[in-house]
Amino acid sequence: MTYDEIFALGRKALGSEDYDDAISNLTNAIALNPKLPFSYSFRGVAYAEQGKSVEAMADYIKVILLQYQWLLLALGAFLLIDGAYSDGSGFQNTHNKYADMLADYVLTLVDYIVAIVRHILNFIF
């Protein structure tokens, strides 16, 4: 089975509140593609629903680290685009579009981190 098929099984099991099956499938999906944050995120939810706060937090932290890597890649691409148009030809239009996309990504990442911190605080208190 492919990553997408196994990931879909994990999400379906999570939606059906079959947390053991969700964790199993999402763990298998992670084994196939450990660099994608989605499986960790949903597996964290399954762990949280089982009251396994340590495991859930570990997965949430992994998501943040993976998202941070994607952010660094996006920033690197932004800097490459910045350098590619150093003569000013077409720079401003491309620069503005990419800057807007990067800003949206950062805001989404910040929102996700805030949600995770709130979730962690719910475990603690």
PDB file of N, CA and C in Angstrom:
ATOM      1  N   MET A   1       0.840  -1.196   0.000  1.00  0.00           N
ATOM      2  CA  MET A   1       0.000   0.000   0.000  1.00  0.00           C
ATOM      3  C   MET A   1       0.879   1.252   0.000  1.00  0.00           C
ATOM      4  N   THR A   2       0.330   2.306  -0.540  1.00  0.00           N
ATOM      5  CA  THR A   2       1.073   3.560  -0.609  1.00  0.00           C
ATOM      6  C   THR A   2       0.880   4.361   0.685  1.00  0.00           C
ATOM      7  N   TYR A   3       1.708   5.379   0.832  1.00  0.00           N
ATOM      8  CA  TYR A   3       1.580   6.282   1.970  1.00  0.00           C
ATOM      9  C   TYR A   3       0.170   6.860   2.027  1.00  0.00           C
ATOM     10  N   ASP A   4      -0.315   7.368   0.895  1.00  0.00           N
ATOM     11  CA  ASP A   4      -1.635   8.001   0.874  1.00  0.00           C
ATOM     12  C   ASP A   4      -2.747   7.045   1.296  1.00  0.00           C
ATOM     13  N   GLU A   5      -2.656   5.794   0.857  1.00  0.00           N
ATOM     14  CA  GLU A   5      -3.681   4.805   1.222  1.00  0.00           C
ATOM     15  C   GLU A   5      -3.644   4.497   2.717  1.00  0.00           C
ATOM     16  N   ILE A   6      -2.447   4.322   3.247  1.00  0.00           N
ATOM     17  CA  ILE A   6      -2.324   4.006   4.676  1.00  0.00           C
ATOM     18  C   ILE A   6      -2.717   5.214   5.520  1.00  0.00           C
ATOM     19  N   PHE A   7      -2.310   6.400   5.084  1.00  0.00           N
ATOM     20  CA  PHE A   7      -2.683   7.627   5.789  1.00  0.00           C
ATOM     21  C   PHE A   7      -4.209   7.775   5.821  1.00  0.00           C
ATOM     22  N   ALA A   8      -4.860   7.489   4.689  1.00  0.00           N
ATOM     23  CA  ALA A   8      -6.328   7.575   4.623  1.00  0.00           C
ATOM     24  C   ALA A   8      -6.981   6.591   5.582  1.00  0.00           C
ATOM     25  N   LEU A   9      -6.422   5.390   5.697  1.00  0.00           N
ATOM     26  CA  LEU A   9      -6.953   4.413   6.659  1.00  0.00           C
ATOM     27  C   LEU A   9      -6.816   4.927   8.087  1.00  0.00           C
ATOM     28  N   GLY A  10      -5.674   5.551   8.368  1.00  0.00           N
ATOM     29  CA  GLY A  10      -5.459   6.111   9.707  1.00  0.00           C
ATOM     30  C   GLY A  10      -6.441   7.215  10.027  1.00  0.00           C
ATOM     31  N   ARG A  11      -6.678   8.096   9.075  1.00  0.00           N
ATOM     32  CA  ARG A  11      -7.639   9.184   9.285  1.00  0.00           C
ATOM     33  C   ARG A  11      -9.051   8.640   9.452  1.00  0.00           C
ATOM     34  N   LYS A  12      -9.386   7.623   8.665  1.00  0.00           N
ATOM     35  CA  LYS A  12     -10.721   7.024   8.763  1.00  0.00           C
ATOM     36  C   LYS A  12     -10.907   6.380  10.136  1.00  0.00           C
ATOM     37  N   ALA A  13      -9.892   5.667  10.591  1.00  0.00           N
ATOM     38  CA  ALA A  13      -9.969   5.035  11.916  1.00  0.00           C
ATOM     39  C   ALA A  13     -10.079   6.095  13.009  1.00  0.00           C
ATOM     40  N   LEU A  14      -9.355   7.185  12.858  1.00  0.00           N
ATOM     41  CA  LEU A  14      -9.432   8.271  13.836  1.00  0.00           C
ATOM     42  C   LEU A  14     -10.835   8.858  13.864  1.00  0.00           C
ATOM     43  N   GLY A  15     -11.418   9.058  12.694  1.00  0.00           N
ATOM     44  CA  GLY A  15     -12.784   9.576  12.609  1.00  0.00           C
ATOM     45  C   GLY A  15     -13.818   8.640  13.210  1.00  0.00           C
ATOM     46  N   SER A  16     -13.509   7.337  13.181  1.00  0.00           N
ATOM     47  CA  SER A  16     -14.402   6.330  13.767  1.00  0.00           C
ATOM     48  C   SER A  16     -14.097   6.068  15.235  1.00  0.00           C
ATOM     49  N   GLU A  17     -13.159   6.844  15.775  1.00  0.00           N
ATOM     50  CA  GLU A  17     -12.724   6.719  17.171  1.00  0.00           C
ATOM     51  C   GLU A  17     -12.097   5.363  17.479  1.00  0.00           C
ATOM     52  N   ASP A  18     -11.530   4.735  16.455  1.00  0.00           N
ATOM     53  CA  ASP A  18     -10.760   3.495  16.628  1.00  0.00           C
ATOM     54  C   ASP A  18      -9.292   3.912  16.736  1.00  0.00           C
ATOM     55  N   TYR A  19      -8.918   4.364  17.933  1.00  0.00           N
ATOM     56  CA  TYR A  19      -7.625   4.999  18.123  1.00  0.00           C
ATOM     57  C   TYR A  19      -6.452   4.037  17.969  1.00  0.00           C
ATOM     58  N   ASP A  20      -6.622   2.790  18.393  1.00  0.00           N
ATOM     59  CA  ASP A  20      -5.535   1.820  18.224  1.00  0.00           C
ATOM     60  C   ASP A  20      -5.232   1.588  16.746  1.00  0.00           C
ATOM     61  N   ASP A  21      -6.281   1.426  15.955  1.00  0.00           N
ATOM     62  CA  ASP A  21      -6.099   1.218  14.519  1.00  0.00           C
ATOM     63  C   ASP A  21      -5.537   2.481  13.866  1.00  0.00           C
ATOM     64  N   ALA A  22      -6.009   3.641  14.308  1.00  0.00           N
ATOM     65  CA  ALA A  22      -5.498   4.906  13.773  1.00  0.00           C
ATOM     66  C   ALA A  22      -4.001   5.025  14.040  1.00  0.00           C
ATOM     67  N   ILE A  23      -3.595   4.741  15.263  1.00  0.00           N
ATOM     68  CA  ILE A  23      -2.180   4.828  15.629  1.00  0.00           C
ATOM     69  C   ILE A  23      -1.359   3.844  14.809  1.00  0.00           C
ATOM     70  N   SER A  24      -1.861   2.644  14.650  1.00  0.00           N
ATOM     71  CA  SER A  24      -1.153   1.626  13.875  1.00  0.00           C
ATOM     72  C   SER A  24      -0.956   2.068  12.427  1.00  0.00           C
ATOM     73  N   ASN A  25      -2.025   2.510  11.793  1.00  0.00           N
ATOM     74  CA  ASN A  25      -1.935   2.936  10.391  1.00  0.00           C
ATOM     75  C   ASN A  25      -1.080   4.185  10.226  1.00  0.00           C
ATOM     76  N   LEU A  26      -1.238   5.138  11.113  1.00  0.00           N
ATOM     77  CA  LEU A  26      -0.455   6.365  11.006  1.00  0.00           C
ATOM     78  C   LEU A  26       1.027   6.105  11.276  1.00  0.00           C
ATOM     79  N   THR A  27       1.316   5.167  12.167  1.00  0.00           N
ATOM     80  CA  THR A  27       2.708   4.773  12.408  1.00  0.00           C
ATOM     81  C   THR A  27       3.294   4.125  11.152  1.00  0.00           C
ATOM     82  N   ASN A  28       2.502   3.306  10.476  1.00  0.00           N
ATOM     83  CA  ASN A  28       2.954   2.701   9.218  1.00  0.00           C
ATOM     84  C   ASN A  28       3.161   3.767   8.139  1.00  0.00           C
ATOM     85  N   ALA A  29       2.288   4.765   8.105  1.00  0.00           N
ATOM     86  CA  ALA A  29       2.445   5.852   7.143  1.00  0.00           C
ATOM     87  C   ALA A  29       3.731   6.632   7.428  1.00  0.00           C
ATOM     88  N   ILE A  30       4.005   6.863   8.702  1.00  0.00           N
ATOM     89  CA  ILE A  30       5.237   7.559   9.088  1.00  0.00           C
ATOM     90  C   ILE A  30       6.459   6.771   8.644  1.00  0.00           C
ATOM     91  N   ALA A  31       6.393   5.447   8.772  1.00  0.00           N
ATOM     92  CA  ALA A  31       7.521   4.610   8.344  1.00  0.00           C
ATOM     93  C   ALA A  31       7.777   4.768   6.842  1.00  0.00           C
ATOM     94  N   LEU A  32       6.718   4.970   6.070  1.00  0.00           N
ATOM     95  CA  LEU A  32       6.870   5.139   4.623  1.00  0.00           C
ATOM     96  C   LEU A  32       7.356   6.535   4.241  1.00  0.00           C
ATOM     97  N   ASN A  33       6.937   7.538   4.988  1.00  0.00           N
ATOM     98  CA  ASN A  33       7.352   8.907   4.679  1.00  0.00           C
ATOM     99  C   ASN A  33       7.465   9.715   5.975  1.00  0.00           C
ATOM    100  N   PRO A  34       8.588   9.600   6.662  1.00  0.00           N
ATOM    101  CA  PRO A  34       8.753  10.257   7.959  1.00  0.00           C
ATOM    102  C   PRO A  34       8.942  11.769   7.878  1.00  0.00           C
ATOM    103  N   LYS A  35       9.057  12.323   6.689  1.00  0.00           N
ATOM    104  CA  LYS A  35       9.292  13.764   6.558  1.00  0.00           C
ATOM    105  C   LYS A  35       8.007  14.576   6.391  1.00  0.00           C
ATOM    106  N   LEU A  36       6.872  13.884   6.262  1.00  0.00           N
ATOM    107  CA  LEU A  36       5.601  14.599   6.161  1.00  0.00           C
ATOM    108  C   LEU A  36       4.984  14.747   7.550  1.00  0.00           C
ATOM    109  N   PRO A  37       4.567  15.944   7.907  1.00  0.00           N
ATOM    110  CA  PRO A  37       4.071  16.179   9.267  1.00  0.00           C
ATOM    111  C   PRO A  37       2.653  15.682   9.540  1.00  0.00           C
ATOM    112  N   PHE A  38       1.875  15.418   8.492  1.00  0.00           N
ATOM    113  CA  PHE A  38       0.457  15.139   8.671  1.00  0.00           C
ATOM    114  C   PHE A  38       0.186  13.899   9.514  1.00  0.00           C
ATOM    115  N   SER A  39       0.925  12.831   9.263  1.00  0.00           N
ATOM    116  CA  SER A  39       0.700  11.591  10.016  1.00  0.00           C
ATOM    117  C   SER A  39       1.006  11.774  11.494  1.00  0.00           C
ATOM    118  N   TYR A  40       2.066  12.526  11.785  1.00  0.00           N
ATOM    119  CA  TYR A  40       2.404  12.795  13.187  1.00  0.00           C
ATOM    120  C   TYR A  40       1.284  13.580  13.866  1.00  0.00           C
ATOM    121  N   SER A  41       0.739  14.549  13.140  1.00  0.00           N
ATOM    122  CA  SER A  41      -0.316  15.390  13.699  1.00  0.00           C
ATOM    123  C   SER A  41      -1.553  14.567  14.071  1.00  0.00           C
ATOM    124  N   PHE A  42      -2.003  13.738  13.135  1.00  0.00           N
ATOM    125  CA  PHE A  42      -3.196  12.935  13.407  1.00  0.00           C
ATOM    126  C   PHE A  42      -2.919  11.835  14.427  1.00  0.00           C
ATOM    127  N   ARG A  43      -1.717  11.272  14.403  1.00  0.00           N
ATOM    128  CA  ARG A  43      -1.387  10.268  15.411  1.00  0.00           C
ATOM    129  C   ARG A  43      -1.344  10.916  16.792  1.00  0.00           C
ATOM    130  N   GLY A  44      -0.866  12.162  16.855  1.00  0.00           N
ATOM    131  CA  GLY A  44      -0.883  12.900  18.120  1.00  0.00           C
ATOM    132  C   GLY A  44      -2.289  13.056  18.671  1.00  0.00           C
ATOM    133  N   VAL A  45      -3.233  13.311  17.780  1.00  0.00           N
ATOM    134  CA  VAL A  45      -4.638  13.423  18.198  1.00  0.00           C
ATOM    135  C   VAL A  45      -5.126  12.088  18.756  1.00  0.00           C
ATOM    136  N   ALA A  46      -4.783  10.998  18.068  1.00  0.00           N
ATOM    137  CA  ALA A  46      -5.211   9.669  18.543  1.00  0.00           C
ATOM    138  C   ALA A  46      -4.620   9.377  19.915  1.00  0.00           C
ATOM    139  N   TYR A  47      -3.342   9.678  20.078  1.00  0.00           N
ATOM    140  CA  TYR A  47      -2.711   9.485  21.393  1.00  0.00           C
ATOM    141  C   TYR A  47      -3.402  10.340  22.459  1.00  0.00           C
ATOM    142  N   ALA A  48      -3.696  11.582  22.113  1.00  0.00           N
ATOM    143  CA  ALA A  48      -4.350  12.477  23.065  1.00  0.00           C
ATOM    144  C   ALA A  48      -5.718  11.944  23.481  1.00  0.00           C
ATOM    145  N   GLU A  49      -6.445  11.405  22.516  1.00  0.00           N
ATOM    146  CA  GLU A  49      -7.769  10.849  22.813  1.00  0.00           C
ATOM    147  C   GLU A  49      -7.668   9.632  23.734  1.00  0.00           C
ATOM    148  N   GLN A  50      -6.537   8.948  23.696  1.00  0.00           N
ATOM    149  CA  GLN A  50      -6.319   7.806  24.586  1.00  0.00           C
ATOM    150  C   GLN A  50      -5.734   8.239  25.939  1.00  0.00           C
ATOM    151  N   GLY A  51      -5.504   9.531  26.094  1.00  0.00           N
ATOM    152  CA  GLY A  51      -4.924  10.032  27.337  1.00  0.00           C
ATOM    153  C   GLY A  51      -3.415   9.844  27.427  1.00  0.00           C
ATOM    154  N   LYS A  52      -2.790   9.549  26.304  1.00  0.00           N
ATOM    155  CA  LYS A  52      -1.329   9.358  26.266  1.00  0.00           C
ATOM    156  C   LYS A  52      -0.679  10.693  25.918  1.00  0.00           C
ATOM    157  N   SER A  53      -0.597  11.558  26.931  1.00  0.00           N
ATOM    158  CA  SER A  53      -0.153  12.927  26.687  1.00  0.00           C
ATOM    159  C   SER A  53       1.307  13.021  26.270  1.00  0.00           C
ATOM    160  N   VAL A  54       2.159  12.176  26.796  1.00  0.00           N
ATOM    161  CA  VAL A  54       3.581  12.234  26.439  1.00  0.00           C
ATOM    162  C   VAL A  54       3.763  11.893  24.964  1.00  0.00           C
ATOM    163  N   GLU A  55       3.116  10.830  24.516  1.00  0.00           N
ATOM    164  CA  GLU A  55       3.214  10.430  23.114  1.00  0.00           C
ATOM    165  C   GLU A  55       2.618  11.502  22.194  1.00  0.00           C
ATOM    166  N   ALA A  56       1.476  12.062  22.622  1.00  0.00           N
ATOM    167  CA  ALA A  56       0.834  13.110  21.832  1.00  0.00           C
ATOM    168  C   ALA A  56       1.754  14.324  21.707  1.00  0.00           C
ATOM    169  N   MET A  57       2.335  14.753  22.814  1.00  0.00           N
ATOM    170  CA  MET A  57       3.226  15.910  22.783  1.00  0.00           C
ATOM    171  C   MET A  57       4.443  15.643  21.909  1.00  0.00           C
ATOM    172  N   ALA A  58       4.983  14.427  21.969  1.00  0.00           N
ATOM    173  CA  ALA A  58       6.137  14.090  21.133  1.00  0.00           C
ATOM    174  C   ALA A  58       5.784  14.227  19.650  1.00  0.00           C
ATOM    175  N   ASP A  59       4.598  13.771  19.272  1.00  0.00           N
ATOM    176  CA  ASP A  59       4.181  13.896  17.879  1.00  0.00           C
ATOM    177  C   ASP A  59       3.944  15.359  17.503  1.00  0.00           C
ATOM    178  N   TYR A  60       3.348  16.122  18.386  1.00  0.00           N
ATOM    179  CA  TYR A  60       3.104  17.537  18.092  1.00  0.00           C
ATOM    180  C   TYR A  60       4.420  18.294  17.935  1.00  0.00           C
ATOM    181  N   ILE A  61       5.379  17.971  18.774  1.00  0.00           N
ATOM    182  CA  ILE A  61       6.690  18.618  18.661  1.00  0.00           C
ATOM    183  C   ILE A  61       7.351  18.241  17.337  1.00  0.00           C
ATOM    184  N   LYS A  62       7.216  16.989  16.934  1.00  0.00           N
ATOM    185  CA  LYS A  62       7.769  16.549  15.649  1.00  0.00           C
ATOM    186  C   LYS A  62       7.136  17.333  14.498  1.00  0.00           C
ATOM    187  N   VAL A  63       5.847  17.580  14.577  1.00  0.00           N
ATOM    188  CA  VAL A  63       5.169  18.367  13.545  1.00  0.00           C
ATOM    189  C   VAL A  63       5.777  19.769  13.470  1.00  0.00           C
ATOM    190  N   ILE A  64       5.990  20.376  14.619  1.00  0.00           N
ATOM    191  CA  ILE A  64       6.581  21.719  14.641  1.00  0.00           C
ATOM    192  C   ILE A  64       7.972  21.696  14.008  1.00  0.00           C
ATOM    193  N   LEU A  65       8.772  20.703  14.355  1.00  0.00           N
ATOM    194  CA  LEU A  65      10.123  20.617  13.789  1.00  0.00           C
ATOM    195  C   LEU A  65      10.084  20.418  12.275  1.00  0.00           C
ATOM    196  N   LEU A  66       9.195  19.557  11.810  1.00  0.00           N
ATOM    197  CA  LEU A  66       9.080  19.342  10.371  1.00  0.00           C
ATOM    198  C   LEU A  66       8.574  20.595   9.664  1.00  0.00           C
ATOM    199  N   GLN A  67       7.612  21.270  10.265  1.00  0.00           N
ATOM    200  CA  GLN A  67       7.093  22.503   9.666  1.00  0.00           C
ATOM    201  C   GLN A  67       8.179  23.569   9.638  1.00  0.00           C
ATOM    202  N   TYR A  68       9.011  23.593  10.663  1.00  0.00           N
ATOM    203  CA  TYR A  68      10.123  24.544  10.716  1.00  0.00           C
ATOM    204  C   TYR A  68      11.088  24.284   9.559  1.00  0.00           C
ATOM    205  N   GLN A  69      11.332  23.005   9.263  1.00  0.00           N
ATOM    206  CA  GLN A  69      12.198  22.674   8.132  1.00  0.00           C
ATOM    207  C   GLN A  69      11.586  23.162   6.822  1.00  0.00           C
ATOM    208  N   TRP A  70      10.271  22.981   6.669  1.00  0.00           N
ATOM    209  CA  TRP A  70       9.604  23.478   5.463  1.00  0.00           C
ATOM    210  C   TRP A  70       9.707  24.994   5.379  1.00  0.00           C
ATOM    211  N   LEU A  71       9.600  25.653   6.520  1.00  0.00           N
ATOM    212  CA  LEU A  71       9.719  27.110   6.548  1.00  0.00           C
ATOM    213  C   LEU A  71      11.113  27.538   6.098  1.00  0.00           C
ATOM    214  N   LEU A  72      12.141  26.846   6.564  1.00  0.00           N
ATOM    215  CA  LEU A  72      13.503  27.173   6.152  1.00  0.00           C
ATOM    216  C   LEU A  72      13.693  26.960   4.651  1.00  0.00           C
ATOM    217  N   LEU A  73      13.099  25.888   4.115  1.00  0.00           N
ATOM    218  CA  LEU A  73      13.173  25.661   2.673  1.00  0.00           C
ATOM    219  C   LEU A  73      12.478  26.785   1.907  1.00  0.00           C
ATOM    220  N   ALA A  74      11.326  27.200   2.394  1.00  0.00           N
ATOM    221  CA  ALA A  74      10.589  28.286   1.743  1.00  0.00           C
ATOM    222  C   ALA A  74      11.392  29.584   1.804  1.00  0.00           C
ATOM    223  N   LEU A  75      12.007  29.837   2.942  1.00  0.00           N
ATOM    224  CA  LEU A  75      12.819  31.044   3.092  1.00  0.00           C
ATOM    225  C   LEU A  75      14.018  30.996   2.147  1.00  0.00           C
ATOM    226  N   GLY A  76      14.645  29.822   2.039  1.00  0.00           N
ATOM    227  CA  GLY A  76      15.764  29.666   1.117  1.00  0.00           C
ATOM    228  C   GLY A  76      15.354  29.923  -0.312  1.00  0.00           C
ATOM    229  N   ALA A  77      14.195  29.408  -0.708  1.00  0.00           N
ATOM    230  CA  ALA A  77      13.689  29.641  -2.056  1.00  0.00           C
ATOM    231  C   ALA A  77      13.410  31.124  -2.263  1.00  0.00           C
ATOM    232  N   PHE A  78      12.880  31.769  -1.244  1.00  0.00           N
ATOM    233  CA  PHE A  78      12.614  33.207  -1.323  1.00  0.00           C
ATOM    234  C   PHE A  78      13.911  33.974  -1.569  1.00  0.00           C
ATOM    235  N   LEU A  79      14.955  33.599  -0.854  1.00  0.00           N
ATOM    236  CA  LEU A  79      16.240  34.272  -1.025  1.00  0.00           C
ATOM    237  C   LEU A  79      16.837  34.001  -2.405  1.00  0.00           C
ATOM    238  N   LEU A  80      16.624  32.782  -2.928  1.00  0.00           N
ATOM    239  CA  LEU A  80      17.091  32.485  -4.284  1.00  0.00           C
ATOM    240  C   LEU A  80      16.363  33.332  -5.317  1.00  0.00           C
ATOM    241  N   ILE A  81      15.055  33.457  -5.150  1.00  0.00           N
ATOM    242  CA  ILE A  81      14.274  34.301  -6.064  1.00  0.00           C
ATOM    243  C   ILE A  81      14.750  35.740  -5.946  1.00  0.00           C
ATOM    244  N   ASP A  82      15.001  36.164  -4.721  1.00  0.00           N
ATOM    245  CA  ASP A  82      15.488  37.511  -4.476  1.00  0.00           C
ATOM    246  C   ASP A  82      16.778  37.759  -5.265  1.00  0.00           C
ATOM    247  N   GLY A  83      17.693  36.788  -5.225  1.00  0.00           N
ATOM    248  CA  GLY A  83      18.962  36.919  -5.943  1.00  0.00           C
ATOM    249  C   GLY A  83      18.809  36.802  -7.445  1.00  0.00           C
ATOM    250  N   ALA A  84      17.861  35.995  -7.900  1.00  0.00           N
ATOM    251  CA  ALA A  84      17.667  35.776  -9.329  1.00  0.00           C
ATOM    252  C   ALA A  84      17.218  37.040 -10.040  1.00  0.00           C
ATOM    253  N   TYR A  85      16.546  37.914  -9.349  1.00  0.00           N
ATOM    254  CA  TYR A  85      16.052  39.147  -9.947  1.00  0.00           C
ATOM    255  C   TYR A  85      16.816  40.367  -9.446  1.00  0.00           C
ATOM    256  N   SER A  86      18.081  40.182  -9.143  1.00  0.00           N
ATOM    257  CA  SER A  86      18.861  41.282  -8.583  1.00  0.00           C
ATOM    258  C   SER A  86      18.998  42.464  -9.543  1.00  0.00           C
ATOM    259  N   ASP A  87      18.766  42.223 -10.826  1.00  0.00           N
ATOM    260  CA  ASP A  87      18.848  43.331 -11.779  1.00  0.00           C
ATOM    261  C   ASP A  87      17.566  44.161 -11.796  1.00  0.00           C
ATOM    262  N   GLY A  88      16.568  43.731 -11.054  1.00  0.00           N
ATOM    263  CA  GLY A  88      15.317  44.484 -10.953  1.00  0.00           C
ATOM    264  C   GLY A  88      14.267  44.079 -11.957  1.00  0.00           C
ATOM    265  N   SER A  89      14.589  43.241 -12.929  1.00  0.00           N
ATOM    266  CA  SER A  89      13.626  42.868 -13.962  1.00  0.00           C
ATOM    267  C   SER A  89      12.590  41.897 -13.413  1.00  0.00           C
ATOM    268  N   GLY A  90      11.394  42.346 -13.260  1.00  0.00           N
ATOM    269  CA  GLY A  90      10.313  41.493 -12.776  1.00  0.00           C
ATOM    270  C   GLY A  90      10.411  41.161 -11.304  1.00  0.00           C
ATOM    271  N   PHE A  91      11.373  41.731 -10.641  1.00  0.00           N
ATOM    272  CA  PHE A  91      11.619  41.385  -9.239  1.00  0.00           C
ATOM    273  C   PHE A  91      10.443  41.726  -8.347  1.00  0.00           C
ATOM    274  N   GLN A  92       9.952  42.941  -8.442  1.00  0.00           N
ATOM    275  CA  GLN A  92       8.957  43.416  -7.470  1.00  0.00           C
ATOM    276  C   GLN A  92       7.702  42.561  -7.474  1.00  0.00           C
ATOM    277  N   ASN A  93       7.176  42.218  -8.643  1.00  0.00           N
ATOM    278  CA  ASN A  93       5.957  41.428  -8.729  1.00  0.00           C
ATOM    279  C   ASN A  93       6.170  40.031  -8.138  1.00  0.00           C
ATOM    280  N   THR A  94       7.247  39.363  -8.545  1.00  0.00           N
ATOM    281  CA  THR A  94       7.538  38.028  -8.024  1.00  0.00           C
ATOM    282  C   THR A  94       7.846  38.078  -6.539  1.00  0.00           C
ATOM    283  N   HIS A  95       8.616  39.065  -6.155  1.00  0.00           N
ATOM    284  CA  HIS A  95       9.004  39.231  -4.750  1.00  0.00           C
ATOM    285  C   HIS A  95       7.775  39.403  -3.866  1.00  0.00           C
ATOM    286  N   ASN A  96       6.845  40.244  -4.282  1.00  0.00           N
ATOM    287  CA  ASN A  96       5.650  40.501  -3.480  1.00  0.00           C
ATOM    288  C   ASN A  96       4.776  39.257  -3.355  1.00  0.00           C
ATOM    289  N   LYS A  97       4.582  38.530  -4.462  1.00  0.00           N
ATOM    290  CA  LYS A  97       3.759  37.319  -4.417  1.00  0.00           C
ATOM    291  C   LYS A  97       4.369  36.282  -3.485  1.00  0.00           C
ATOM    292  N   TYR A  98       5.672  36.072  -3.616  1.00  0.00           N
ATOM    293  CA  TYR A  98       6.327  35.064  -2.785  1.00  0.00           C
ATOM    294  C   TYR A  98       6.363  35.494  -1.331  1.00  0.00           C
ATOM    295  N   ALA A  99       6.573  36.779  -1.098  1.00  0.00           N
ATOM    296  CA  ALA A  99       6.577  37.291   0.273  1.00  0.00           C
ATOM    297  C   ALA A  99       5.209  37.083   0.918  1.00  0.00           C
ATOM    298  N   ASP A 100       4.144  37.307   0.151  1.00  0.00           N
ATOM    299  CA  ASP A 100       2.787  37.089   0.672  1.00  0.00           C
ATOM    300  C   ASP A 100       2.556  35.618   1.013  1.00  0.00           C
ATOM    301  N   MET A 101       2.994  34.723   0.124  1.00  0.00           N
ATOM    302  CA  MET A 101       2.829  33.290   0.384  1.00  0.00           C
ATOM    303  C   MET A 101       3.624  32.868   1.611  1.00  0.00           C
ATOM    304  N   LEU A 102       4.838  33.369   1.741  1.00  0.00           N
ATOM    305  CA  LEU A 102       5.676  33.029   2.875  1.00  0.00           C
ATOM    306  C   LEU A 102       5.061  33.554   4.173  1.00  0.00           C
ATOM    307  N   ALA A 103       4.517  34.765   4.131  1.00  0.00           N
ATOM    308  CA  ALA A 103       3.868  35.340   5.310  1.00  0.00           C
ATOM    309  C   ALA A 103       2.654  34.511   5.721  1.00  0.00           C
ATOM    310  N   ASP A 104       1.854  34.078   4.748  1.00  0.00           N
ATOM    311  CA  ASP A 104       0.704  33.227   5.048  1.00  0.00           C
ATOM    312  C   ASP A 104       1.145  31.920   5.698  1.00  0.00           C
ATOM    313  N   TYR A 105       2.218  31.349   5.171  1.00  0.00           N
ATOM    314  CA  TYR A 105       2.739  30.089   5.720  1.00  0.00           C
ATOM    315  C   TYR A 105       3.205  30.281   7.155  1.00  0.00           C
ATOM    316  N   VAL A 106       3.908  31.366   7.417  1.00  0.00           N
ATOM    317  CA  VAL A 106       4.394  31.642   8.779  1.00  0.00           C
ATOM    318  C   VAL A 106       3.213  31.820   9.726  1.00  0.00           C
ATOM    319  N   LEU A 107       2.197  32.554   9.307  1.00  0.00           N
ATOM    320  CA  LEU A 107       1.021  32.758  10.165  1.00  0.00           C
ATOM    321  C   LEU A 107       0.309  31.444  10.444  1.00  0.00           C
ATOM    322  N   THR A 108       0.202  30.593   9.442  1.00  0.00           N
ATOM    323  CA  THR A 108      -0.413  29.283   9.638  1.00  0.00           C
ATOM    324  C   THR A 108       0.396  28.454  10.615  1.00  0.00           C
ATOM    325  N   LEU A 109       1.715  28.484  10.472  1.00  0.00           N
ATOM    326  CA  LEU A 109       2.585  27.746  11.382  1.00  0.00           C
ATOM    327  C   LEU A 109       2.455  28.271  12.809  1.00  0.00           C
ATOM    328  N   VAL A 110       2.395  29.573  12.966  1.00  0.00           N
ATOM    329  CA  VAL A 110       2.232  30.169  14.299  1.00  0.00           C
ATOM    330  C   VAL A 110       0.898  29.746  14.898  1.00  0.00           C
ATOM    331  N   ASP A 111      -0.168  29.776  14.094  1.00  0.00           N
ATOM    332  CA  ASP A 111      -1.481  29.329  14.584  1.00  0.00           C
ATOM    333  C   ASP A 111      -1.425  27.878  15.052  1.00  0.00           C
ATOM    334  N   TYR A 112      -0.738  27.044  14.289  1.00  0.00           N
ATOM    335  CA  TYR A 112      -0.621  25.633  14.648  1.00  0.00           C
ATOM    336  C   TYR A 112       0.155  25.473  15.948  1.00  0.00           C
ATOM    337  N   ILE A 113       1.241  26.205  16.094  1.00  0.00           N
ATOM    338  CA  ILE A 113       2.043  26.124  17.321  1.00  0.00           C
ATOM    339  C   ILE A 113       1.221  26.577  18.516  1.00  0.00           C
ATOM    340  N   VAL A 114       0.463  27.641  18.364  1.00  0.00           N
ATOM    341  CA  VAL A 114      -0.401  28.127  19.452  1.00  0.00           C
ATOM    342  C   VAL A 114      -1.421  27.053  19.827  1.00  0.00           C
ATOM    343  N   ALA A 115      -2.024  26.407  18.836  1.00  0.00           N
ATOM    344  CA  ALA A 115      -3.002  25.344  19.109  1.00  0.00           C
ATOM    345  C   ALA A 115      -2.348  24.186  19.857  1.00  0.00           C
ATOM    346  N   ILE A 116      -1.144  23.830  19.474  1.00  0.00           N
ATOM    347  CA  ILE A 116      -0.439  22.737  20.148  1.00  0.00           C
ATOM    348  C   ILE A 116      -0.101  23.123  21.587  1.00  0.00           C
ATOM    349  N   VAL A 117       0.372  24.334  21.790  1.00  0.00           N
ATOM    350  CA  VAL A 117       0.693  24.781  23.148  1.00  0.00           C
ATOM    351  C   VAL A 117      -0.557  24.756  24.017  1.00  0.00           C
ATOM    352  N   ARG A 118      -1.678  25.192  23.484  1.00  0.00           N
ATOM    353  CA  ARG A 118      -2.939  25.138  24.246  1.00  0.00           C
ATOM    354  C   ARG A 118      -3.299  23.687  24.592  1.00  0.00           C
ATOM    355  N   HIS A 119      -3.105  22.806  23.619  1.00  0.00           N
ATOM    356  CA  HIS A 119      -3.399  21.389  23.843  1.00  0.00           C
ATOM    357  C   HIS A 119      -2.496  20.830  24.933  1.00  0.00           C
ATOM    358  N   ILE A 120      -1.228  21.168  24.890  1.00  0.00           N
ATOM    359  CA  ILE A 120      -0.275  20.712  25.912  1.00  0.00           C
ATOM    360  C   ILE A 120      -0.661  21.253  27.277  1.00  0.00           C
ATOM    361  N   LEU A 121      -1.038  22.528  27.336  1.00  0.00           N
ATOM    362  CA  LEU A 121      -1.439  23.119  28.618  1.00  0.00           C
ATOM    363  C   LEU A 121      -2.674  22.438  29.178  1.00  0.00           C
ATOM    364  N   ASN A 122      -3.568  21.978  28.313  1.00  0.00           N
ATOM    365  CA  ASN A 122      -4.747  21.246  28.783  1.00  0.00           C
ATOM    366  C   ASN A 122      -4.344  19.934  29.458  1.00  0.00           C
ATOM    367  N   PHE A 123      -3.272  19.300  28.954  1.00  0.00           N
ATOM    368  CA  PHE A 123      -2.771  18.076  29.589  1.00  0.00           C
ATOM    369  C   PHE A 123      -2.187  18.371  30.969  1.00  0.00           C
ATOM    370  N   ILE A 124      -1.490  19.494  31.071  1.00  0.00           N
ATOM    371  CA  ILE A 124      -0.787  19.823  32.307  1.00  0.00           C
ATOM    372  C   ILE A 124      -1.752  20.291  33.389  1.00  0.00           C
ATOM    373  N   PHE A 125      -2.731  21.108  32.985  1.00  0.00           N
ATOM    374  CA  PHE A 125      -3.629  21.694  33.985  1.00  0.00           C
ATOM    375  C   PHE A 125      -4.967  21.075  33.889  1.00  0.00           C
TER     376      PHE A 125
END
